[in-house]
Amino acid sequence: MDSIIEYIIEEDLGFGDITTELLVPENMIVTAKILAKEQGIVAGVKVVKKVFEDMMLSVKVFKEDESKIAKGDTILEVRGSARNILTLERTSLNILMRMSGIATTTYNIQNQVKTINENIRVAGTRKTTPGFSKFDKLAISIGSGDPHRFALDDMILIKDNHIAIVGSVKKALEIAKKKASFTKKIEIEVENSKDAAIAAKNGADIVMLDNMDPNQVKETLAILSDFGLRENVLIEVSGGITQENILEYAKSGVDIISLGFLTHSIKSLDINLNIIIDS
């Protein structure tokens, strides 16, 4: 993560913060408070603390990652070079705001779903921001969700284009089971009940029902149960799931609900930084 942080700072800094260098005395010491402007779940505190500390600034944490925050709460207090604080202001806020937005949405959805079934997991997808993916995934975890795969080497996930190249669900699973390490779980994406049954029968650990509506999901689970295949696999649903229809999917009896919008269409939490001039 250090290299990611370095890149993010470098990207914003360019050849230097010319505004701050022109206006702010070199040896000026100030305190800055990072404040919540709306309620939510805070995420990214550890990341931002490191950003500031790497620039020789002292940081006092008031709200740890996973904490609930309300409007007006102080999340962090930073003290040191005014130039360094101002240079890092936008980068630090961008990290905190995005990660807290993801964590807050994940937390709220997970709580919604648990009113239907305590055991359902809300998961993310790989529809993340390139370069920021690890932080996106960390924010989902902080919000009590499951990050799913952090990277392509985490597990075997056979998708529609893999199946198109190989020829069939059954063939794809046969190849994966023959060649893959025993330590890696095998998940396969299917679009209909027939392929779901084939997948469950041929050794998939997880079957992802892709772009099925809640009624199709229920029908598929009933078919798997009728053939004695339901207990063999975890069932994940993905595609077309929104905050408006997620409870219908939760009622269907699935194990995992994965949501791309947790990272690709998230609203950042409103957080700001205020400089306090020593009297």
C-alpha atoms as a PDB file:
ATOM      1  CA  MET A   1       0.000   0.000   0.000  1.00  0.00           C
ATOM      2  CA  ASP A   2       2.966   2.345   0.549  1.00  0.00           C
ATOM      3  CA  SER A   3       3.618   2.558  -3.188  1.00  0.00           C
ATOM      4  CA  ILE A   4      -0.050   3.358  -3.860  1.00  0.00           C
ATOM      5  CA  ILE A   5       0.006   6.178  -1.303  1.00  0.00           C
ATOM      6  CA  GLU A   6       3.242   7.541  -2.777  1.00  0.00           C
ATOM      7  CA  TYR A   7       1.725   7.511  -6.269  1.00  0.00           C
ATOM      8  CA  ILE A   8      -1.489   9.237  -5.135  1.00  0.00           C
ATOM      9  CA  ILE A   9       0.478  12.038  -3.420  1.00  0.00           C
ATOM     10  CA  GLU A  10       2.874  12.391  -6.358  1.00  0.00           C
ATOM     11  CA  GLU A  11      -0.025  12.566  -8.817  1.00  0.00           C
ATOM     12  CA  ASP A  12      -1.603  15.476  -6.948  1.00  0.00           C
ATOM     13  CA  LEU A  13       1.642  17.281  -6.089  1.00  0.00           C
ATOM     14  CA  GLY A  14       3.150  17.483  -9.573  1.00  0.00           C
ATOM     15  CA  PHE A  15       6.245  19.680  -9.336  1.00  0.00           C
ATOM     16  CA  GLY A  16       5.081  21.295  -6.102  1.00  0.00           C
ATOM     17  CA  ASP A  17       2.182  23.094  -4.400  1.00  0.00           C
ATOM     18  CA  ILE A  18       2.940  26.517  -5.856  1.00  0.00           C
ATOM     19  CA  THR A  19      -0.015  28.273  -4.171  1.00  0.00           C
ATOM     20  CA  THR A  20       0.967  27.128  -0.687  1.00  0.00           C
ATOM     21  CA  GLU A  21       4.649  27.866  -1.286  1.00  0.00           C
ATOM     22  CA  LEU A  22       3.792  31.422  -2.351  1.00  0.00           C
ATOM     23  CA  LEU A  23       1.373  32.242   0.480  1.00  0.00           C
ATOM     24  CA  VAL A  24       2.352  30.200   3.537  1.00  0.00           C
ATOM     25  CA  PRO A  25       5.530  30.857   5.578  1.00  0.00           C
ATOM     26  CA  GLU A  26       7.970  27.953   5.461  1.00  0.00           C
ATOM     27  CA  ASN A  27       8.246  27.470   9.246  1.00  0.00           C
ATOM     28  CA  MET A  28       4.605  28.078  10.179  1.00  0.00           C
ATOM     29  CA  ILE A  29       3.126  25.444  12.542  1.00  0.00           C
ATOM     30  CA  VAL A  30      -0.658  24.945  12.716  1.00  0.00           C
ATOM     31  CA  THR A  31      -3.289  22.468  13.847  1.00  0.00           C
ATOM     32  CA  ALA A  32      -5.924  21.107  11.469  1.00  0.00           C
ATOM     33  CA  LYS A  33      -9.131  19.307  12.330  1.00  0.00           C
ATOM     34  CA  ILE A  34     -10.740  16.850   9.924  1.00  0.00           C
ATOM     35  CA  LEU A  35     -14.489  17.006  10.529  1.00  0.00           C
ATOM     36  CA  ALA A  36     -17.511  14.991   9.446  1.00  0.00           C
ATOM     37  CA  LYS A  37     -20.177  17.028   7.685  1.00  0.00           C
ATOM     38  CA  GLU A  38     -22.702  14.190   7.680  1.00  0.00           C
ATOM     39  CA  GLN A  39     -23.298  10.949   9.534  1.00  0.00           C
ATOM     40  CA  GLY A  40     -21.931   7.604   8.430  1.00  0.00           C
ATOM     41  CA  ILE A  41     -19.222   5.008   9.001  1.00  0.00           C
ATOM     42  CA  VAL A  42     -15.678   6.330   8.803  1.00  0.00           C
ATOM     43  CA  ALA A  43     -13.082   4.426   6.779  1.00  0.00           C
ATOM     44  CA  GLY A  44      -9.552   5.277   5.672  1.00  0.00           C
ATOM     45  CA  VAL A  45      -8.345   6.682   8.995  1.00  0.00           C
ATOM     46  CA  LYS A  46      -5.298   4.387   9.160  1.00  0.00           C
ATOM     47  CA  VAL A  47      -4.421   5.176   5.558  1.00  0.00           C
ATOM     48  CA  VAL A  48      -4.693   8.944   6.028  1.00  0.00           C
ATOM     49  CA  LYS A  49      -2.810   8.818   9.338  1.00  0.00           C
ATOM     50  CA  LYS A  50       0.103   7.252   7.484  1.00  0.00           C
ATOM     51  CA  VAL A  51      -0.118   9.876   4.715  1.00  0.00           C
ATOM     52  CA  PHE A  52       0.287  12.672   7.278  1.00  0.00           C
ATOM     53  CA  GLU A  53       2.906  10.917   9.408  1.00  0.00           C
ATOM     54  CA  ASP A  54       5.074  10.225   6.347  1.00  0.00           C
ATOM     55  CA  MET A  55       5.286  14.016   5.950  1.00  0.00           C
ATOM     56  CA  MET A  56       6.462  14.470   9.564  1.00  0.00           C
ATOM     57  CA  LEU A  57       3.077  15.580  10.907  1.00  0.00           C
ATOM     58  CA  SER A  58       1.660  14.434  14.249  1.00  0.00           C
ATOM     59  CA  VAL A  59      -1.803  12.892  14.184  1.00  0.00           C
ATOM     60  CA  LYS A  60      -4.364  12.398  16.932  1.00  0.00           C
ATOM     61  CA  VAL A  61      -7.161   9.990  16.056  1.00  0.00           C
ATOM     62  CA  PHE A  62     -10.612  10.689  17.489  1.00  0.00           C
ATOM     63  CA  LYS A  63     -12.601   8.210  15.378  1.00  0.00           C
ATOM     64  CA  GLU A  64     -11.065   4.873  14.387  1.00  0.00           C
ATOM     65  CA  ASP A  65     -12.021   2.983  11.220  1.00  0.00           C
ATOM     66  CA  GLU A  66     -15.506   1.389  11.579  1.00  0.00           C
ATOM     67  CA  SER A  67     -16.655   4.120  13.985  1.00  0.00           C
ATOM     68  CA  LYS A  68     -20.040   5.741  13.538  1.00  0.00           C
ATOM     69  CA  ILE A  69     -19.714   9.465  12.954  1.00  0.00           C
ATOM     70  CA  ALA A  70     -22.217  12.300  13.158  1.00  0.00           C
ATOM     71  CA  LYS A  71     -22.180  15.770  11.618  1.00  0.00           C
ATOM     72  CA  GLY A  72     -19.589  17.908  13.398  1.00  0.00           C
ATOM     73  CA  ASP A  73     -17.529  15.034  14.814  1.00  0.00           C
ATOM     74  CA  THR A  74     -13.751  15.405  14.747  1.00  0.00           C
ATOM     75  CA  ILE A  75     -12.207  12.408  12.997  1.00  0.00           C
ATOM     76  CA  LEU A  76      -8.533  13.407  13.121  1.00  0.00           C
ATOM     77  CA  GLU A  77      -6.434  16.271  14.414  1.00  0.00           C
ATOM     78  CA  VAL A  78      -3.165  16.997  12.605  1.00  0.00           C
ATOM     79  CA  ARG A  79      -0.367  19.262  13.796  1.00  0.00           C
ATOM     80  CA  GLY A  80       2.815  20.417  12.128  1.00  0.00           C
ATOM     81  CA  SER A  81       4.003  22.302   9.056  1.00  0.00           C
ATOM     82  CA  ALA A  82       1.174  24.355   7.570  1.00  0.00           C
ATOM     83  CA  ARG A  83       2.679  23.817   4.139  1.00  0.00           C
ATOM     84  CA  ASN A  84       2.659  20.029   4.486  1.00  0.00           C
ATOM     85  CA  ILE A  85      -0.889  19.943   5.834  1.00  0.00           C
ATOM     86  CA  LEU A  86      -2.231  22.070   2.980  1.00  0.00           C
ATOM     87  CA  THR A  87      -0.311  20.075   0.388  1.00  0.00           C
ATOM     88  CA  LEU A  88      -1.858  16.841   1.655  1.00  0.00           C
ATOM     89  CA  GLU A  89      -5.342  18.261   2.310  1.00  0.00           C
ATOM     90  CA  ARG A  90      -7.162  17.212  -0.871  1.00  0.00           C
ATOM     91  CA  THR A  91      -5.442  13.842  -1.225  1.00  0.00           C
ATOM     92  CA  SER A  92      -6.268  12.925   2.370  1.00  0.00           C
ATOM     93  CA  LEU A  93      -9.865  14.100   2.125  1.00  0.00           C
ATOM     94  CA  ASN A  94     -10.381  12.259  -1.171  1.00  0.00           C
ATOM     95  CA  ILE A  95      -9.233   9.009   0.462  1.00  0.00           C
ATOM     96  CA  LEU A  96     -11.367   9.486   3.577  1.00  0.00           C
ATOM     97  CA  MET A  97     -14.456  10.655   1.710  1.00  0.00           C
ATOM     98  CA  ARG A  98     -14.485   7.851  -0.854  1.00  0.00           C
ATOM     99  CA  MET A  99     -13.643   5.067   1.597  1.00  0.00           C
ATOM    100  CA  SER A 100     -16.192   6.350   4.139  1.00  0.00           C
ATOM    101  CA  GLY A 101     -18.856   6.557   1.430  1.00  0.00           C
ATOM    102  CA  ILE A 102     -18.230   2.933   0.459  1.00  0.00           C
ATOM    103  CA  ALA A 103     -18.155   1.775   4.094  1.00  0.00           C
ATOM    104  CA  THR A 104     -21.351   3.653   4.948  1.00  0.00           C
ATOM    105  CA  THR A 105     -23.330   2.292   1.991  1.00  0.00           C
ATOM    106  CA  THR A 106     -22.053  -1.243   2.632  1.00  0.00           C
ATOM    107  CA  TYR A 107     -22.947  -1.022   6.329  1.00  0.00           C
ATOM    108  CA  ASN A 108     -26.460   0.262   5.622  1.00  0.00           C
ATOM    109  CA  ILE A 109     -27.169  -2.407   3.003  1.00  0.00           C
ATOM    110  CA  GLN A 110     -25.751  -5.197   5.166  1.00  0.00           C
ATOM    111  CA  ASN A 111     -28.054  -4.120   8.003  1.00  0.00           C
ATOM    112  CA  GLN A 112     -31.035  -4.055   5.630  1.00  0.00           C
ATOM    113  CA  VAL A 113     -30.317  -7.552   4.407  1.00  0.00           C
ATOM    114  CA  LYS A 114     -29.839  -8.922   7.925  1.00  0.00           C
ATOM    115  CA  THR A 115     -33.439  -8.030   8.763  1.00  0.00           C
ATOM    116  CA  ILE A 116     -34.327 -10.817   6.304  1.00  0.00           C
ATOM    117  CA  ASN A 117     -31.513 -13.305   6.887  1.00  0.00           C
ATOM    118  CA  GLU A 118     -28.644 -12.939   9.386  1.00  0.00           C
ATOM    119  CA  ASN A 119     -26.395 -15.219   7.326  1.00  0.00           C
ATOM    120  CA  ILE A 120     -26.440 -13.485   3.950  1.00  0.00           C
ATOM    121  CA  ARG A 121     -23.191 -11.806   2.971  1.00  0.00           C
ATOM    122  CA  VAL A 122     -23.121  -8.546   1.047  1.00  0.00           C
ATOM    123  CA  ALA A 123     -20.051  -8.533  -1.195  1.00  0.00           C
ATOM    124  CA  GLY A 124     -18.255  -6.184  -3.537  1.00  0.00           C
ATOM    125  CA  THR A 125     -17.023  -6.874  -7.058  1.00  0.00           C
ATOM    126  CA  ARG A 126     -13.935  -5.978  -9.100  1.00  0.00           C
ATOM    127  CA  LYS A 127     -15.698  -2.907 -10.516  1.00  0.00           C
ATOM    128  CA  THR A 128     -13.302  -0.711  -8.580  1.00  0.00           C
ATOM    129  CA  THR A 129     -11.184   2.333  -9.405  1.00  0.00           C
ATOM    130  CA  PRO A 130      -7.856   1.209 -10.936  1.00  0.00           C
ATOM    131  CA  GLY A 131      -4.998   2.106  -8.598  1.00  0.00           C
ATOM    132  CA  PHE A 132      -7.401   2.548  -5.693  1.00  0.00           C
ATOM    133  CA  SER A 133      -8.816  -0.982  -5.721  1.00  0.00           C
ATOM    134  CA  LYS A 134      -7.210  -2.151  -2.475  1.00  0.00           C
ATOM    135  CA  PHE A 135      -8.650   0.850  -0.626  1.00  0.00           C
ATOM    136  CA  ASP A 136     -12.084   0.288  -2.194  1.00  0.00           C
ATOM    137  CA  LYS A 137     -12.012  -3.326  -1.007  1.00  0.00           C
ATOM    138  CA  LEU A 138     -10.740  -2.347   2.449  1.00  0.00           C
ATOM    139  CA  ALA A 139     -13.632   0.111   2.774  1.00  0.00           C
ATOM    140  CA  ILE A 140     -16.135  -2.660   2.016  1.00  0.00           C
ATOM    141  CA  SER A 141     -14.598  -4.773   4.782  1.00  0.00           C
ATOM    142  CA  ILE A 142     -14.720  -1.826   7.214  1.00  0.00           C
ATOM    143  CA  GLY A 143     -18.426  -1.479   6.368  1.00  0.00           C
ATOM    144  CA  SER A 144     -18.977  -5.139   7.388  1.00  0.00           C
ATOM    145  CA  GLY A 145     -19.175  -6.412   3.818  1.00  0.00           C
ATOM    146  CA  ASP A 146     -17.145  -9.068   2.040  1.00  0.00           C
ATOM    147  CA  PRO A 147     -14.552  -7.715  -0.422  1.00  0.00           C
ATOM    148  CA  HIS A 148     -14.896 -10.780  -2.713  1.00  0.00           C
ATOM    149  CA  ARG A 149     -11.680 -11.096  -4.759  1.00  0.00           C
ATOM    150  CA  PHE A 150      -8.917  -8.596  -4.066  1.00  0.00           C
ATOM    151  CA  ALA A 151      -7.183  -9.685  -7.276  1.00  0.00           C
ATOM    152  CA  LEU A 152      -7.396 -12.282 -10.041  1.00  0.00           C
ATOM    153  CA  ASP A 153      -5.197 -14.754  -8.157  1.00  0.00           C
ATOM    154  CA  ASP A 154      -7.499 -15.027  -5.126  1.00  0.00           C
ATOM    155  CA  MET A 155      -9.749 -17.732  -6.551  1.00  0.00           C
ATOM    156  CA  ILE A 156     -10.993 -19.275  -9.783  1.00  0.00           C
ATOM    157  CA  LEU A 157     -13.981 -17.384 -11.146  1.00  0.00           C
ATOM    158  CA  ILE A 158     -15.204 -18.773 -14.458  1.00  0.00           C
ATOM    159  CA  LYS A 159     -17.224 -16.126 -16.295  1.00  0.00           C
ATOM    160  CA  ASP A 160     -19.336 -16.118 -19.471  1.00  0.00           C
ATOM    161  CA  ASN A 161     -16.413 -15.355 -21.784  1.00  0.00           C
ATOM    162  CA  HIS A 162     -14.353 -18.203 -20.312  1.00  0.00           C
ATOM    163  CA  ILE A 163     -17.277 -20.559 -20.934  1.00  0.00           C
ATOM    164  CA  ALA A 164     -17.691 -19.217 -24.487  1.00  0.00           C
ATOM    165  CA  ILE A 165     -14.045 -20.033 -25.243  1.00  0.00           C
ATOM    166  CA  VAL A 166     -14.047 -23.466 -23.566  1.00  0.00           C
ATOM    167  CA  GLY A 167     -17.459 -24.523 -24.891  1.00  0.00           C
ATOM    168  CA  SER A 168     -19.618 -25.389 -21.884  1.00  0.00           C
ATOM    169  CA  VAL A 169     -20.106 -25.061 -18.135  1.00  0.00           C
ATOM    170  CA  LYS A 170     -19.269 -28.720 -17.610  1.00  0.00           C
ATOM    171  CA  LYS A 171     -16.072 -28.562 -19.684  1.00  0.00           C
ATOM    172  CA  ALA A 172     -14.878 -25.405 -17.944  1.00  0.00           C
ATOM    173  CA  LEU A 173     -15.317 -27.023 -14.528  1.00  0.00           C
ATOM    174  CA  GLU A 174     -13.596 -30.235 -15.636  1.00  0.00           C
ATOM    175  CA  ILE A 175     -10.528 -28.295 -16.793  1.00  0.00           C
ATOM    176  CA  ALA A 176     -10.448 -26.096 -13.687  1.00  0.00           C
ATOM    177  CA  LYS A 177     -10.743 -29.027 -11.282  1.00  0.00           C
ATOM    178  CA  LYS A 178      -8.061 -30.970 -13.114  1.00  0.00           C
ATOM    179  CA  LYS A 179      -5.494 -28.181 -13.365  1.00  0.00           C
ATOM    180  CA  ALA A 180      -6.136 -25.904 -10.390  1.00  0.00           C
ATOM    181  CA  SER A 181      -4.479 -26.026  -6.990  1.00  0.00           C
ATOM    182  CA  PHE A 182      -6.612 -27.749  -4.363  1.00  0.00           C
ATOM    183  CA  THR A 183      -6.287 -24.611  -2.228  1.00  0.00           C
ATOM    184  CA  LYS A 184      -8.342 -22.487  -4.644  1.00  0.00           C
ATOM    185  CA  LYS A 185     -12.134 -22.426  -4.590  1.00  0.00           C
ATOM    186  CA  ILE A 186     -13.942 -22.585  -7.917  1.00  0.00           C
ATOM    187  CA  GLU A 187     -16.818 -20.231  -8.686  1.00  0.00           C
ATOM    188  CA  ILE A 188     -18.733 -20.191 -11.956  1.00  0.00           C
ATOM    189  CA  GLU A 189     -21.144 -17.650 -13.417  1.00  0.00           C
ATOM    190  CA  VAL A 190     -24.346 -18.987 -14.987  1.00  0.00           C
ATOM    191  CA  GLU A 191     -27.367 -17.352 -16.579  1.00  0.00           C
ATOM    192  CA  ASN A 192     -30.053 -20.037 -16.290  1.00  0.00           C
ATOM    193  CA  SER A 193     -31.298 -22.829 -14.037  1.00  0.00           C
ATOM    194  CA  LYS A 194     -30.024 -25.628 -16.272  1.00  0.00           C
ATOM    195  CA  ASP A 195     -26.429 -24.384 -16.140  1.00  0.00           C
ATOM    196  CA  ALA A 196     -26.753 -23.791 -12.383  1.00  0.00           C
ATOM    197  CA  ALA A 197     -27.684 -27.456 -11.917  1.00  0.00           C
ATOM    198  CA  ILE A 198     -24.823 -28.590 -14.181  1.00  0.00           C
ATOM    199  CA  ALA A 199     -22.395 -26.429 -12.217  1.00  0.00           C
ATOM    200  CA  ALA A 200     -23.571 -27.722  -8.833  1.00  0.00           C
ATOM    201  CA  LYS A 201     -23.424 -31.318 -10.064  1.00  0.00           C
ATOM    202  CA  ASN A 202     -19.907 -30.949 -11.489  1.00  0.00           C
ATOM    203  CA  GLY A 203     -18.029 -29.643  -8.502  1.00  0.00           C
ATOM    204  CA  ALA A 204     -18.410 -25.873  -8.369  1.00  0.00           C
ATOM    205  CA  ASP A 205     -17.917 -24.510  -4.858  1.00  0.00           C
ATOM    206  CA  ILE A 206     -19.900 -21.349  -5.617  1.00  0.00           C
ATOM    207  CA  VAL A 207     -22.490 -20.781  -8.328  1.00  0.00           C
ATOM    208  CA  MET A 208     -23.112 -17.175  -9.306  1.00  0.00           C
ATOM    209  CA  LEU A 209     -26.571 -16.527 -10.733  1.00  0.00           C
ATOM    210  CA  ASP A 210     -25.968 -13.632 -13.091  1.00  0.00           C
ATOM    211  CA  ASN A 211     -28.637 -11.086 -14.022  1.00  0.00           C
ATOM    212  CA  MET A 212     -31.541 -13.197 -12.785  1.00  0.00           C
ATOM    213  CA  ASP A 213     -34.557 -11.481 -11.255  1.00  0.00           C
ATOM    214  CA  PRO A 214     -35.708 -12.606  -7.768  1.00  0.00           C
ATOM    215  CA  ASN A 215     -38.341 -15.004  -9.168  1.00  0.00           C
ATOM    216  CA  GLN A 216     -35.794 -16.693 -11.446  1.00  0.00           C
ATOM    217  CA  VAL A 217     -33.437 -17.030  -8.484  1.00  0.00           C
ATOM    218  CA  LYS A 218     -36.163 -18.697  -6.391  1.00  0.00           C
ATOM    219  CA  GLU A 219     -37.004 -21.085  -9.238  1.00  0.00           C
ATOM    220  CA  THR A 220     -33.338 -21.998  -9.665  1.00  0.00           C
ATOM    221  CA  LEU A 221     -32.899 -22.691  -5.950  1.00  0.00           C
ATOM    222  CA  ALA A 222     -36.029 -24.857  -5.991  1.00  0.00           C
ATOM    223  CA  ILE A 223     -34.646 -26.892  -8.908  1.00  0.00           C
ATOM    224  CA  LEU A 224     -31.315 -27.377  -7.123  1.00  0.00           C
ATOM    225  CA  SER A 225     -33.163 -28.510  -3.996  1.00  0.00           C
ATOM    226  CA  ASP A 226     -35.350 -30.928  -5.985  1.00  0.00           C
ATOM    227  CA  PHE A 227     -32.222 -32.596  -7.392  1.00  0.00           C
ATOM    228  CA  GLY A 228     -30.463 -32.655  -4.013  1.00  0.00           C
ATOM    229  CA  LEU A 229     -27.828 -30.185  -5.163  1.00  0.00           C
ATOM    230  CA  ARG A 230     -28.541 -27.147  -3.002  1.00  0.00           C
ATOM    231  CA  GLU A 231     -26.396 -28.250  -0.074  1.00  0.00           C
ATOM    232  CA  ASN A 232     -23.392 -28.782  -2.342  1.00  0.00           C
ATOM    233  CA  VAL A 233     -22.781 -25.146  -3.159  1.00  0.00           C
ATOM    234  CA  LEU A 234     -22.910 -21.553  -2.066  1.00  0.00           C
ATOM    235  CA  ILE A 235     -25.261 -19.476  -4.204  1.00  0.00           C
ATOM    236  CA  GLU A 236     -24.309 -15.930  -5.132  1.00  0.00           C
ATOM    237  CA  VAL A 237     -26.443 -13.443  -7.061  1.00  0.00           C
ATOM    238  CA  SER A 238     -25.088 -10.535  -9.053  1.00  0.00           C
ATOM    239  CA  GLY A 239     -26.243  -8.097 -11.712  1.00  0.00           C
ATOM    240  CA  GLY A 240     -29.228  -5.771 -11.733  1.00  0.00           C
ATOM    241  CA  ILE A 241     -29.367  -5.569  -7.934  1.00  0.00           C
ATOM    242  CA  THR A 242     -30.158  -2.156  -6.453  1.00  0.00           C
ATOM    243  CA  GLN A 243     -30.983  -0.740  -3.043  1.00  0.00           C
ATOM    244  CA  GLU A 244     -34.617  -0.795  -4.129  1.00  0.00           C
ATOM    245  CA  ASN A 245     -34.825  -4.520  -4.947  1.00  0.00           C
ATOM    246  CA  ILE A 246     -32.120  -6.036  -2.732  1.00  0.00           C
ATOM    247  CA  LEU A 247     -34.559  -7.242  -0.067  1.00  0.00           C
ATOM    248  CA  GLU A 248     -36.374  -9.343  -2.678  1.00  0.00           C
ATOM    249  CA  TYR A 249     -33.084 -11.073  -3.433  1.00  0.00           C
ATOM    250  CA  ALA A 250     -32.444 -11.494   0.291  1.00  0.00           C
ATOM    251  CA  LYS A 251     -35.804 -13.277   0.610  1.00  0.00           C
ATOM    252  CA  SER A 252     -34.930 -15.724  -2.186  1.00  0.00           C
ATOM    253  CA  GLY A 253     -32.642 -17.864  -0.025  1.00  0.00           C
ATOM    254  CA  VAL A 254     -29.228 -17.060  -1.538  1.00  0.00           C
ATOM    255  CA  ASP A 255     -25.984 -16.993   0.435  1.00  0.00           C
ATOM    256  CA  ILE A 256     -24.184 -14.012  -1.119  1.00  0.00           C
ATOM    257  CA  ILE A 257     -25.347 -10.820  -2.814  1.00  0.00           C
ATOM    258  CA  SER A 258     -22.597  -9.033  -4.737  1.00  0.00           C
ATOM    259  CA  LEU A 259     -23.032  -5.412  -5.719  1.00  0.00           C
ATOM    260  CA  GLY A 260     -20.931  -3.504  -8.222  1.00  0.00           C
ATOM    261  CA  PHE A 261     -22.387  -0.157  -7.225  1.00  0.00           C
ATOM    262  CA  LEU A 262     -20.661  -0.357  -3.825  1.00  0.00           C
ATOM    263  CA  THR A 263     -17.559   0.831  -5.662  1.00  0.00           C
ATOM    264  CA  HIS A 264     -18.469   2.005  -9.164  1.00  0.00           C
ATOM    265  CA  SER A 265     -21.305   4.442  -8.319  1.00  0.00           C
ATOM    266  CA  ILE A 266     -20.701   5.404  -4.736  1.00  0.00           C
ATOM    267  CA  LYS A 267     -21.443   8.791  -3.167  1.00  0.00           C
ATOM    268  CA  SER A 268     -18.517  10.029  -1.092  1.00  0.00           C
ATOM    269  CA  LEU A 269     -19.186  11.045   2.500  1.00  0.00           C
ATOM    270  CA  ASP A 270     -18.863  14.797   3.101  1.00  0.00           C
ATOM    271  CA  ILE A 271     -15.736  15.487   5.194  1.00  0.00           C
ATOM    272  CA  ASN A 272     -13.614  18.641   5.420  1.00  0.00           C
ATOM    273  CA  LEU A 273     -10.384  19.988   6.924  1.00  0.00           C
ATOM    274  CA  ASN A 274     -10.204  23.228   8.900  1.00  0.00           C
ATOM    275  CA  ILE A 275      -6.959  24.974   9.800  1.00  0.00           C
ATOM    276  CA  ILE A 276      -6.752  26.404  13.336  1.00  0.00           C
ATOM    277  CA  ILE A 277      -4.329  29.328  13.689  1.00  0.00           C
ATOM    278  CA  ASP A 278      -2.517  29.345  17.025  1.00  0.00           C
ATOM    279  CA  SER A 279      -3.220  32.528  18.991  1.00  0.00           C
END
